[in-house]
Amino acid sequence: MERFYIITNYAKDEDYRITTRIKECIESCGKTCILCQKDDYEKIRPETIPNQIDCALVVGGDGTFIQASRTLFGREIPMLGINMGTLGYLTEVEVQNVERAIEQLMTGNYAIENRMMLYGSGPNQMRDVALNDIVVTRSGLMKIIQINLYVNGEFLNSYKADGIIISTPTGSTAYNLSAGGPIVEPRASLIVVTPICSHGLNSRSIVFSGDDEIVIEIGAHRAGQCEEAAISFDGADVIPLHTGDRVRIKKAWETAKIVKLSKISFLETMREKMKGN
C-alpha cells in the first residue's frame, strides 16, 4: 500500500489530533496520505476523492464507517476503521493502537474481508446502496402502515406494522437486532427481512438467499386515503413513499472491503461488545 486516504468525523476528532497523528505516521514511512474534503453537511465530496487510493482510514465510529462505505462504493478501496465511537463493530482499531495498526498495514500483515451490500431502486429514479440496512417506516401520524412483501416476483405476505427492515449480515447486529431479528455471520451472503412492531402473529424475521430480489410495496390505507411512508438507506437520505410505491432491493454488485488486522473472531467481538447489554 502506497497511497492512503483519511476520512475523519469532525465531531469525533475536532482538533484533528488523531488524524494528524495518523497522517504523520504514514508519511514517516515514505507513503502518501491525503485528507478527505467534506461539504457544509459533513458529507464527503465525491469529486475530490483521488482516483488511485490503496486504503481508506476512517476516523470515527461505525456511522462514519458506513457513510464512507456508501460514498466509496464502486471504487473497491479497502477500508480500515479507527474507533472513536462506542460499540465499534466495524471500526476495529482503538486509538491507542494506531501506530501498531499502521505498521501492520506497511508490512502487509492484514486480511481483507468482503461484506455484502444492498442496492435499492424505486420511484422517481431513486437509487442507493446500504452496508447495514434499508428501512421502510411510517411517516407523519403515529399509525401503522400496510406493507406488501414480494420475493422474486411472488407475493409472500402483508404486514400491518410500523415498518420493515431489510438487512445485510453486517447490519444484522444493528436495527435488525433491536427489532428482534437474528444475528448473522457478517461474511455471509444473505438478506434478512424483519417487520417492525407488526400488529399480528406473522412478525417473525425471514432470511433469504443473497441472490433473491425483495420488493416492498406500500399498501393502501383501509380508509382509502393515501398512505405515507419513508425509506432510508443506512439511516440517512430519508425519501418519502406513498401508496402503490414499490422499492426493489437486491444484493449490490460490489462488496465493501474491510481491512482486518486482528484474528479475533466475530463471535468473540460480539461477546465483548454486548457484555452487560
C-alpha atoms as a PDB file:
ATOM      1  CA  MET A   1       0.000   0.000   0.000  1.00  0.00           C
ATOM      2  CA  GLU A   2       1.388   3.371  -1.058  1.00  0.00           C
ATOM      3  CA  ARG A   3      -1.442   5.926  -1.128  1.00  0.00           C
ATOM      4  CA  PHE A   4      -3.739   6.415   1.870  1.00  0.00           C
ATOM      5  CA  TYR A   5      -6.944   8.446   2.218  1.00  0.00           C
ATOM      6  CA  ILE A   6      -8.149   9.586   5.654  1.00  0.00           C
ATOM      7  CA  ILE A   7     -11.848  10.184   6.260  1.00  0.00           C
ATOM      8  CA  THR A   8     -12.445  11.987   9.563  1.00  0.00           C
ATOM      9  CA  ASN A   9     -15.589  12.602  11.558  1.00  0.00           C
ATOM     10  CA  TYR A  10     -15.054  16.201  12.680  1.00  0.00           C
ATOM     11  CA  ALA A  11     -17.333  15.717  15.692  1.00  0.00           C
ATOM     12  CA  LYS A  12     -15.118  12.879  16.960  1.00  0.00           C
ATOM     13  CA  ASP A  13     -11.760  14.499  16.190  1.00  0.00           C
ATOM     14  CA  GLU A  14     -12.417  18.235  16.227  1.00  0.00           C
ATOM     15  CA  ASP A  15      -8.819  19.344  16.627  1.00  0.00           C
ATOM     16  CA  TYR A  16      -7.572  16.717  14.136  1.00  0.00           C
ATOM     17  CA  ARG A  17      -5.240  15.405  16.810  1.00  0.00           C
ATOM     18  CA  ILE A  18      -5.755  11.751  15.894  1.00  0.00           C
ATOM     19  CA  THR A  19      -5.958  12.468  12.159  1.00  0.00           C
ATOM     20  CA  THR A  20      -2.674  14.388  12.234  1.00  0.00           C
ATOM     21  CA  ARG A  21      -1.054  11.620  14.253  1.00  0.00           C
ATOM     22  CA  ILE A  22      -2.119   9.040  11.652  1.00  0.00           C
ATOM     23  CA  LYS A  23      -1.003  11.221   8.737  1.00  0.00           C
ATOM     24  CA  GLU A  24       2.438  11.834  10.246  1.00  0.00           C
ATOM     25  CA  CYS A  25       2.877   8.155  10.996  1.00  0.00           C
ATOM     26  CA  ILE A  26       2.047   7.180   7.390  1.00  0.00           C
ATOM     27  CA  GLU A  27       4.251   9.858   5.862  1.00  0.00           C
ATOM     28  CA  SER A  28       7.153   8.887   8.110  1.00  0.00           C
ATOM     29  CA  CYS A  29       7.066   5.542   6.302  1.00  0.00           C
ATOM     30  CA  GLY A  30       7.511   7.318   2.972  1.00  0.00           C
ATOM     31  CA  LYS A  31       3.899   6.845   1.884  1.00  0.00           C
ATOM     32  CA  THR A  32       1.375   9.367   0.522  1.00  0.00           C
ATOM     33  CA  CYS A  33      -1.522  10.470   2.710  1.00  0.00           C
ATOM     34  CA  ILE A  34      -4.497  12.598   1.579  1.00  0.00           C
ATOM     35  CA  LEU A  35      -7.220  14.035   3.830  1.00  0.00           C
ATOM     36  CA  CYS A  36     -10.815  13.918   2.603  1.00  0.00           C
ATOM     37  CA  GLN A  37     -12.766  17.074   1.857  1.00  0.00           C
ATOM     38  CA  LYS A  38     -16.344  17.491   3.095  1.00  0.00           C
ATOM     39  CA  ASP A  39     -19.196  19.849   2.307  1.00  0.00           C
ATOM     40  CA  ASP A  40     -21.180  22.019   4.731  1.00  0.00           C
ATOM     41  CA  TYR A  41     -23.328  18.992   5.653  1.00  0.00           C
ATOM     42  CA  GLU A  42     -20.318  16.909   6.707  1.00  0.00           C
ATOM     43  CA  LYS A  43     -20.625  14.677   3.641  1.00  0.00           C
ATOM     44  CA  ILE A  44     -17.606  13.614   1.639  1.00  0.00           C
ATOM     45  CA  ARG A  45     -17.316  15.453  -1.669  1.00  0.00           C
ATOM     46  CA  PRO A  46     -17.078  12.562  -4.173  1.00  0.00           C
ATOM     47  CA  GLU A  47     -15.438  14.699  -6.850  1.00  0.00           C
ATOM     48  CA  THR A  48     -12.444  15.286  -4.558  1.00  0.00           C
ATOM     49  CA  ILE A  49     -11.698  11.596  -3.963  1.00  0.00           C
ATOM     50  CA  PRO A  50      -8.389  10.714  -5.689  1.00  0.00           C
ATOM     51  CA  ASN A  51      -8.514   8.074  -8.403  1.00  0.00           C
ATOM     52  CA  GLN A  52      -5.663   5.968  -7.073  1.00  0.00           C
ATOM     53  CA  ILE A  53      -6.097   5.058  -3.419  1.00  0.00           C
ATOM     54  CA  ASP A  54      -4.811   1.832  -1.865  1.00  0.00           C
ATOM     55  CA  CYS A  55      -6.564   2.156   1.503  1.00  0.00           C
ATOM     56  CA  ALA A  56      -9.009   4.468   3.276  1.00  0.00           C
ATOM     57  CA  LEU A  57      -8.595   5.051   7.008  1.00  0.00           C
ATOM     58  CA  VAL A  58     -11.880   6.046   8.650  1.00  0.00           C
ATOM     59  CA  VAL A  59     -11.545   8.004  11.895  1.00  0.00           C
ATOM     60  CA  GLY A  60     -14.817   7.970  13.833  1.00  0.00           C
ATOM     61  CA  GLY A  61     -17.452   5.430  14.804  1.00  0.00           C
ATOM     62  CA  ASP A  62     -19.434   2.820  12.913  1.00  0.00           C
ATOM     63  CA  GLY A  63     -21.711   5.512  11.489  1.00  0.00           C
ATOM     64  CA  THR A  64     -18.753   7.272   9.887  1.00  0.00           C
ATOM     65  CA  PHE A  65     -17.527   3.957   8.517  1.00  0.00           C
ATOM     66  CA  ILE A  66     -20.913   3.142   6.997  1.00  0.00           C
ATOM     67  CA  GLN A  67     -21.173   6.573   5.366  1.00  0.00           C
ATOM     68  CA  ALA A  68     -17.692   6.102   3.926  1.00  0.00           C
ATOM     69  CA  SER A  69     -18.565   2.667   2.516  1.00  0.00           C
ATOM     70  CA  ARG A  70     -21.525   4.171   0.652  1.00  0.00           C
ATOM     71  CA  THR A  71     -19.522   7.099  -0.711  1.00  0.00           C
ATOM     72  CA  LEU A  72     -16.641   4.873  -1.819  1.00  0.00           C
ATOM     73  CA  PHE A  73     -18.975   2.274  -3.343  1.00  0.00           C
ATOM     74  CA  GLY A  74     -17.761   1.209  -6.782  1.00  0.00           C
ATOM     75  CA  ARG A  75     -14.125   2.175  -6.168  1.00  0.00           C
ATOM     76  CA  GLU A  76     -13.082  -1.107  -4.494  1.00  0.00           C
ATOM     77  CA  ILE A  77     -11.000   0.683  -1.861  1.00  0.00           C
ATOM     78  CA  PRO A  78     -10.217  -1.337   1.292  1.00  0.00           C
ATOM     79  CA  MET A  79     -11.226   0.499   4.484  1.00  0.00           C
ATOM     80  CA  LEU A  80      -9.786   0.370   7.991  1.00  0.00           C
ATOM     81  CA  GLY A  81     -11.766   1.878  10.853  1.00  0.00           C
ATOM     82  CA  ILE A  82     -10.180   3.812  13.744  1.00  0.00           C
ATOM     83  CA  ASN A  83     -12.716   3.598  16.579  1.00  0.00           C
ATOM     84  CA  MET A  84     -13.639   6.852  18.283  1.00  0.00           C
ATOM     85  CA  GLY A  85     -17.253   5.826  18.840  1.00  0.00           C
ATOM     86  CA  THR A  86     -18.909   3.427  21.269  1.00  0.00           C
ATOM     87  CA  LEU A  87     -19.570  -0.136  20.090  1.00  0.00           C
ATOM     88  CA  GLY A  88     -17.150  -0.275  17.173  1.00  0.00           C
ATOM     89  CA  TYR A  89     -18.264  -3.408  15.319  1.00  0.00           C
ATOM     90  CA  LEU A  90     -16.772  -2.079  12.076  1.00  0.00           C
ATOM     91  CA  THR A  91     -14.078   0.236  13.388  1.00  0.00           C
ATOM     92  CA  GLU A  92     -11.586  -2.323  14.598  1.00  0.00           C
ATOM     93  CA  VAL A  93      -8.583  -0.240  15.702  1.00  0.00           C
ATOM     94  CA  GLU A  94      -8.639   1.589  19.039  1.00  0.00           C
ATOM     95  CA  VAL A  95      -6.930   4.983  19.154  1.00  0.00           C
ATOM     96  CA  GLN A  96      -4.115   3.802  21.435  1.00  0.00           C
ATOM     97  CA  ASN A  97      -3.170   1.139  18.857  1.00  0.00           C
ATOM     98  CA  VAL A  98      -2.967   3.396  15.779  1.00  0.00           C
ATOM     99  CA  GLU A  99       0.819   3.179  15.279  1.00  0.00           C
ATOM    100  CA  ARG A 100       0.793  -0.597  15.598  1.00  0.00           C
ATOM    101  CA  ALA A 101      -2.072  -0.815  13.068  1.00  0.00           C
ATOM    102  CA  ILE A 102      -0.213   1.311  10.512  1.00  0.00           C
ATOM    103  CA  GLU A 103       2.874  -0.851  10.991  1.00  0.00           C
ATOM    104  CA  GLN A 104       0.786  -3.916  10.146  1.00  0.00           C
ATOM    105  CA  LEU A 105      -0.501  -2.205   7.000  1.00  0.00           C
ATOM    106  CA  MET A 106       3.026  -1.357   5.910  1.00  0.00           C
ATOM    107  CA  THR A 107       4.260  -4.916   6.400  1.00  0.00           C
ATOM    108  CA  GLY A 108       1.240  -6.494   4.712  1.00  0.00           C
ATOM    109  CA  ASN A 109       0.123  -8.184   7.920  1.00  0.00           C
ATOM    110  CA  TYR A 110      -3.621  -7.913   7.302  1.00  0.00           C
ATOM    111  CA  ALA A 111      -6.573  -9.557   5.570  1.00  0.00           C
ATOM    112  CA  ILE A 112      -9.418  -8.061   3.556  1.00  0.00           C
ATOM    113  CA  GLU A 113     -12.964  -9.158   4.361  1.00  0.00           C
ATOM    114  CA  ASN A 114     -15.713  -8.715   1.770  1.00  0.00           C
ATOM    115  CA  ARG A 115     -19.053  -7.571   3.146  1.00  0.00           C
ATOM    116  CA  MET A 116     -22.252  -7.769   1.145  1.00  0.00           C
ATOM    117  CA  MET A 117     -24.117  -4.522   0.447  1.00  0.00           C
ATOM    118  CA  LEU A 118     -27.701  -3.884  -0.692  1.00  0.00           C
ATOM    119  CA  TYR A 119     -28.893  -1.938  -3.726  1.00  0.00           C
ATOM    120  CA  GLY A 120     -32.337  -0.361  -3.706  1.00  0.00           C
ATOM    121  CA  SER A 121     -34.280   1.326  -6.501  1.00  0.00           C
ATOM    122  CA  GLY A 122     -37.729   2.890  -6.537  1.00  0.00           C
ATOM    123  CA  PRO A 123     -39.939   5.727  -7.724  1.00  0.00           C
ATOM    124  CA  ASN A 124     -38.589   8.996  -9.122  1.00  0.00           C
ATOM    125  CA  GLN A 125     -35.316   7.357 -10.163  1.00  0.00           C
ATOM    126  CA  MET A 126     -34.404   6.597  -6.558  1.00  0.00           C
ATOM    127  CA  ARG A 127     -31.216   4.518  -6.390  1.00  0.00           C
ATOM    128  CA  ASP A 128     -28.873   3.961  -3.476  1.00  0.00           C
ATOM    129  CA  VAL A 129     -26.795   1.392  -1.610  1.00  0.00           C
ATOM    130  CA  ALA A 130     -26.523   0.339   2.020  1.00  0.00           C
ATOM    131  CA  LEU A 131     -23.973  -1.573   4.079  1.00  0.00           C
ATOM    132  CA  ASN A 132     -26.255  -2.153   7.088  1.00  0.00           C
ATOM    133  CA  ASP A 133     -29.886  -1.925   6.037  1.00  0.00           C
ATOM    134  CA  ILE A 134     -32.673  -0.388   4.017  1.00  0.00           C
ATOM    135  CA  VAL A 135     -35.614   0.556   6.231  1.00  0.00           C
ATOM    136  CA  VAL A 136     -39.188   1.461   5.294  1.00  0.00           C
ATOM    137  CA  THR A 137     -41.157   3.128   8.096  1.00  0.00           C
ATOM    138  CA  ARG A 138     -44.361   5.055   8.690  1.00  0.00           C
ATOM    139  CA  SER A 139     -44.289   8.800   8.190  1.00  0.00           C
ATOM    140  CA  GLY A 140     -46.325  11.595   9.685  1.00  0.00           C
ATOM    141  CA  LEU A 141     -49.061  10.422  12.053  1.00  0.00           C
ATOM    142  CA  MET A 142     -48.400   7.752  14.647  1.00  0.00           C
ATOM    143  CA  LYS A 143     -50.176   4.961  12.825  1.00  0.00           C
ATOM    144  CA  ILE A 144     -49.262   1.651  11.279  1.00  0.00           C
ATOM    145  CA  ILE A 145     -48.809   1.177   7.544  1.00  0.00           C
ATOM    146  CA  GLN A 146     -49.543  -1.782   5.316  1.00  0.00           C
ATOM    147  CA  ILE A 147     -46.504  -3.296   3.655  1.00  0.00           C
ATOM    148  CA  ASN A 148     -46.718  -5.938   0.949  1.00  0.00           C
ATOM    149  CA  LEU A 149     -43.694  -8.197   0.557  1.00  0.00           C
ATOM    150  CA  TYR A 150     -42.742  -9.898  -2.722  1.00  0.00           C
ATOM    151  CA  VAL A 151     -39.802 -12.245  -3.285  1.00  0.00           C
ATOM    152  CA  ASN A 152     -38.563 -12.922  -6.817  1.00  0.00           C
ATOM    153  CA  GLY A 153     -41.848 -11.609  -8.201  1.00  0.00           C
ATOM    154  CA  GLU A 154     -44.046 -13.783  -5.978  1.00  0.00           C
ATOM    155  CA  PHE A 155     -46.267 -12.300  -3.275  1.00  0.00           C
ATOM    156  CA  LEU A 156     -45.294 -13.594   0.163  1.00  0.00           C
ATOM    157  CA  ASN A 157     -47.059 -11.628   2.892  1.00  0.00           C
ATOM    158  CA  SER A 158     -48.692  -8.396   4.028  1.00  0.00           C
ATOM    159  CA  TYR A 159     -47.723  -6.683   7.262  1.00  0.00           C
ATOM    160  CA  LYS A 160     -49.535  -4.050   9.244  1.00  0.00           C
ATOM    161  CA  ALA A 161     -46.594  -2.621  11.102  1.00  0.00           C
ATOM    162  CA  ASP A 162     -44.526   0.404  11.986  1.00  0.00           C
ATOM    163  CA  GLY A 163     -42.177  -0.545   9.180  1.00  0.00           C
ATOM    164  CA  ILE A 164     -39.843  -3.203   7.847  1.00  0.00           C
ATOM    165  CA  ILE A 165     -36.060  -3.712   7.875  1.00  0.00           C
ATOM    166  CA  ILE A 166     -34.146  -5.288   5.005  1.00  0.00           C
ATOM    167  CA  SER A 167     -30.731  -6.056   6.422  1.00  0.00           C
ATOM    168  CA  THR A 168     -27.374  -7.353   5.297  1.00  0.00           C
ATOM    169  CA  PRO A 169     -25.452  -9.792   7.503  1.00  0.00           C
ATOM    170  CA  THR A 170     -23.306  -6.831   8.617  1.00  0.00           C
ATOM    171  CA  GLY A 171     -26.445  -4.924   9.609  1.00  0.00           C
ATOM    172  CA  SER A 172     -27.939  -7.858  11.487  1.00  0.00           C
ATOM    173  CA  THR A 173     -26.393  -6.549  14.732  1.00  0.00           C
ATOM    174  CA  ALA A 174     -27.856  -3.054  14.218  1.00  0.00           C
ATOM    175  CA  TYR A 175     -31.542  -2.054  13.902  1.00  0.00           C
ATOM    176  CA  ASN A 176     -32.445  -5.605  12.906  1.00  0.00           C
ATOM    177  CA  LEU A 177     -31.214  -6.917  16.248  1.00  0.00           C
ATOM    178  CA  SER A 178     -33.103  -4.225  18.183  1.00  0.00           C
ATOM    179  CA  ALA A 179     -36.291  -5.238  16.355  1.00  0.00           C
ATOM    180  CA  GLY A 180     -35.866  -8.873  17.388  1.00  0.00           C
ATOM    181  CA  GLY A 181     -34.174 -10.117  14.231  1.00  0.00           C
ATOM    182  CA  PRO A 182     -31.452 -12.793  14.077  1.00  0.00           C
ATOM    183  CA  ILE A 183     -27.711 -12.221  14.223  1.00  0.00           C
ATOM    184  CA  VAL A 184     -25.985 -13.384  11.036  1.00  0.00           C
ATOM    185  CA  GLU A 185     -22.290 -14.099  10.469  1.00  0.00           C
ATOM    186  CA  PRO A 186     -21.188 -10.906   8.657  1.00  0.00           C
ATOM    187  CA  ARG A 187     -19.312 -12.622   5.805  1.00  0.00           C
ATOM    188  CA  ALA A 188     -22.447 -14.498   4.694  1.00  0.00           C
ATOM    189  CA  SER A 189     -24.463 -13.675   1.584  1.00  0.00           C
ATOM    190  CA  LEU A 190     -27.995 -13.412   2.966  1.00  0.00           C
ATOM    191  CA  ILE A 191     -30.862 -10.916   3.168  1.00  0.00           C
ATOM    192  CA  VAL A 192     -32.766 -10.618   6.450  1.00  0.00           C
ATOM    193  CA  VAL A 193     -36.295  -9.175   6.453  1.00  0.00           C
ATOM    194  CA  THR A 194     -37.659  -8.114   9.852  1.00  0.00           C
ATOM    195  CA  PRO A 195     -41.025  -6.380  10.461  1.00  0.00           C
ATOM    196  CA  ILE A 196     -41.005  -3.533  12.985  1.00  0.00           C
ATOM    197  CA  CYS A 197     -43.710  -3.912  15.662  1.00  0.00           C
ATOM    198  CA  SER A 198     -46.007  -5.939  13.440  1.00  0.00           C
ATOM    199  CA  HIS A 199     -49.673  -5.950  14.502  1.00  0.00           C
ATOM    200  CA  GLY A 200     -50.222  -9.653  14.001  1.00  0.00           C
ATOM    201  CA  LEU A 201     -48.817 -13.102  14.623  1.00  0.00           C
ATOM    202  CA  ASN A 202     -46.736 -13.132  11.446  1.00  0.00           C
ATOM    203  CA  SER A 203     -43.987 -10.960  12.855  1.00  0.00           C
ATOM    204  CA  ARG A 204     -41.062 -13.369  12.552  1.00  0.00           C
ATOM    205  CA  SER A 205     -37.943 -12.423  10.620  1.00  0.00           C
ATOM    206  CA  ILE A 206     -37.294 -14.256   7.366  1.00  0.00           C
ATOM    207  CA  VAL A 207     -33.842 -14.999   5.960  1.00  0.00           C
ATOM    208  CA  PHE A 208     -33.449 -15.136   2.184  1.00  0.00           C
ATOM    209  CA  SER A 209     -30.649 -16.020  -0.177  1.00  0.00           C
ATOM    210  CA  GLY A 210     -28.349 -13.216  -1.213  1.00  0.00           C
ATOM    211  CA  ASP A 211     -29.443 -13.885  -4.795  1.00  0.00           C
ATOM    212  CA  ASP A 212     -33.125 -13.168  -4.104  1.00  0.00           C
ATOM    213  CA  GLU A 213     -34.851  -9.940  -5.102  1.00  0.00           C
ATOM    214  CA  ILE A 214     -37.065  -8.348  -2.467  1.00  0.00           C
ATOM    215  CA  VAL A 215     -39.854  -5.935  -3.385  1.00  0.00           C
ATOM    216  CA  ILE A 216     -41.525  -3.775  -0.754  1.00  0.00           C
ATOM    217  CA  GLU A 217     -44.858  -2.217  -1.761  1.00  0.00           C
ATOM    218  CA  ILE A 218     -46.715   0.418   0.235  1.00  0.00           C
ATOM    219  CA  GLY A 219     -50.255  -0.913   0.556  1.00  0.00           C
ATOM    220  CA  ALA A 220     -53.499   1.052   0.545  1.00  0.00           C
ATOM    221  CA  HIS A 221     -54.887   2.670   3.685  1.00  0.00           C
ATOM    222  CA  ARG A 222     -58.034   0.923   4.910  1.00  0.00           C
ATOM    223  CA  ALA A 223     -59.964   4.212   4.732  1.00  0.00           C
ATOM    224  CA  GLY A 224     -58.946   4.718   1.113  1.00  0.00           C
ATOM    225  CA  GLN A 225     -56.567   7.528   1.981  1.00  0.00           C
ATOM    226  CA  CYS A 226     -53.094   7.797   0.552  1.00  0.00           C
ATOM    227  CA  GLU A 227     -50.605   6.043   2.843  1.00  0.00           C
ATOM    228  CA  GLU A 228     -47.466   7.969   3.782  1.00  0.00           C
ATOM    229  CA  ALA A 229     -44.176   6.214   4.460  1.00  0.00           C
ATOM    230  CA  ALA A 230     -40.445   6.831   4.176  1.00  0.00           C
ATOM    231  CA  ILE A 231     -37.374   4.857   3.194  1.00  0.00           C
ATOM    232  CA  SER A 232     -33.837   5.306   4.434  1.00  0.00           C
ATOM    233  CA  PHE A 233     -30.511   3.784   3.442  1.00  0.00           C
ATOM    234  CA  ASP A 234     -28.297   3.136   6.465  1.00  0.00           C
ATOM    235  CA  GLY A 235     -30.343   5.656   8.420  1.00  0.00           C
ATOM    236  CA  ALA A 236     -29.562   8.501   6.019  1.00  0.00           C
ATOM    237  CA  ASP A 237     -31.142  10.127   2.965  1.00  0.00           C
ATOM    238  CA  VAL A 238     -34.775   9.695   4.039  1.00  0.00           C
ATOM    239  CA  ILE A 239     -37.065   9.624   0.989  1.00  0.00           C
ATOM    240  CA  PRO A 240     -40.893   9.806   1.103  1.00  0.00           C
ATOM    241  CA  LEU A 241     -43.042   6.963  -0.223  1.00  0.00           C
ATOM    242  CA  HIS A 242     -46.792   6.716  -0.854  1.00  0.00           C
ATOM    243  CA  THR A 243     -49.463   4.109  -1.549  1.00  0.00           C
ATOM    244  CA  GLY A 244     -48.548   1.988  -4.567  1.00  0.00           C
ATOM    245  CA  ASP A 245     -44.859   2.830  -4.496  1.00  0.00           C
ATOM    246  CA  ARG A 246     -42.538  -0.129  -4.877  1.00  0.00           C
ATOM    247  CA  VAL A 247     -38.906  -0.486  -3.857  1.00  0.00           C
ATOM    248  CA  ARG A 248     -36.761  -3.249  -5.370  1.00  0.00           C
ATOM    249  CA  ILE A 249     -33.915  -4.477  -3.198  1.00  0.00           C
ATOM    250  CA  LYS A 250     -31.170  -6.913  -4.093  1.00  0.00           C
ATOM    251  CA  LYS A 251     -27.549  -7.683  -3.393  1.00  0.00           C
ATOM    252  CA  ALA A 252     -25.274  -4.953  -4.723  1.00  0.00           C
ATOM    253  CA  TRP A 253     -22.839  -5.951  -7.463  1.00  0.00           C
ATOM    254  CA  GLU A 254     -19.847  -4.937  -5.352  1.00  0.00           C
ATOM    255  CA  THR A 255     -18.879  -5.511  -1.739  1.00  0.00           C
ATOM    256  CA  ALA A 256     -17.454  -3.310   0.982  1.00  0.00           C
ATOM    257  CA  LYS A 257     -13.838  -4.298   1.566  1.00  0.00           C
ATOM    258  CA  ILE A 258     -12.882  -4.165   5.240  1.00  0.00           C
ATOM    259  CA  VAL A 259      -9.266  -4.405   6.370  1.00  0.00           C
ATOM    260  CA  LYS A 260      -8.883  -6.863   9.264  1.00  0.00           C
ATOM    261  CA  LEU A 261      -5.765  -6.695  11.404  1.00  0.00           C
ATOM    262  CA  SER A 262      -6.637  -8.984  14.296  1.00  0.00           C
ATOM    263  CA  LYS A 263      -7.533 -12.652  14.278  1.00  0.00           C
ATOM    264  CA  ILE A 264     -10.317 -12.127  16.808  1.00  0.00           C
ATOM    265  CA  SER A 265     -13.450 -13.928  15.588  1.00  0.00           C
ATOM    266  CA  PHE A 266     -16.828 -12.322  15.020  1.00  0.00           C
ATOM    267  CA  LEU A 267     -18.253 -14.344  17.917  1.00  0.00           C
ATOM    268  CA  GLU A 268     -15.590 -13.083  20.296  1.00  0.00           C
ATOM    269  CA  THR A 269     -16.111  -9.500  19.150  1.00  0.00           C
ATOM    270  CA  MET A 270     -19.869  -9.796  19.586  1.00  0.00           C
ATOM    271  CA  ARG A 271     -19.490 -11.322  23.032  1.00  0.00           C
ATOM    272  CA  GLU A 272     -17.230  -8.473  24.131  1.00  0.00           C
ATOM    273  CA  LYS A 273     -19.319  -5.673  22.609  1.00  0.00           C
ATOM    274  CA  MET A 274     -22.576  -6.973  24.071  1.00  0.00           C
ATOM    275  CA  LYS A 275     -21.184  -7.617  27.536  1.00  0.00           C
ATOM    276  CA  GLY A 276     -23.640  -6.170  30.060  1.00  0.00           C
ATOM    277  CA  ASN A 277     -26.306  -5.408  27.429  1.00  0.00           C
END
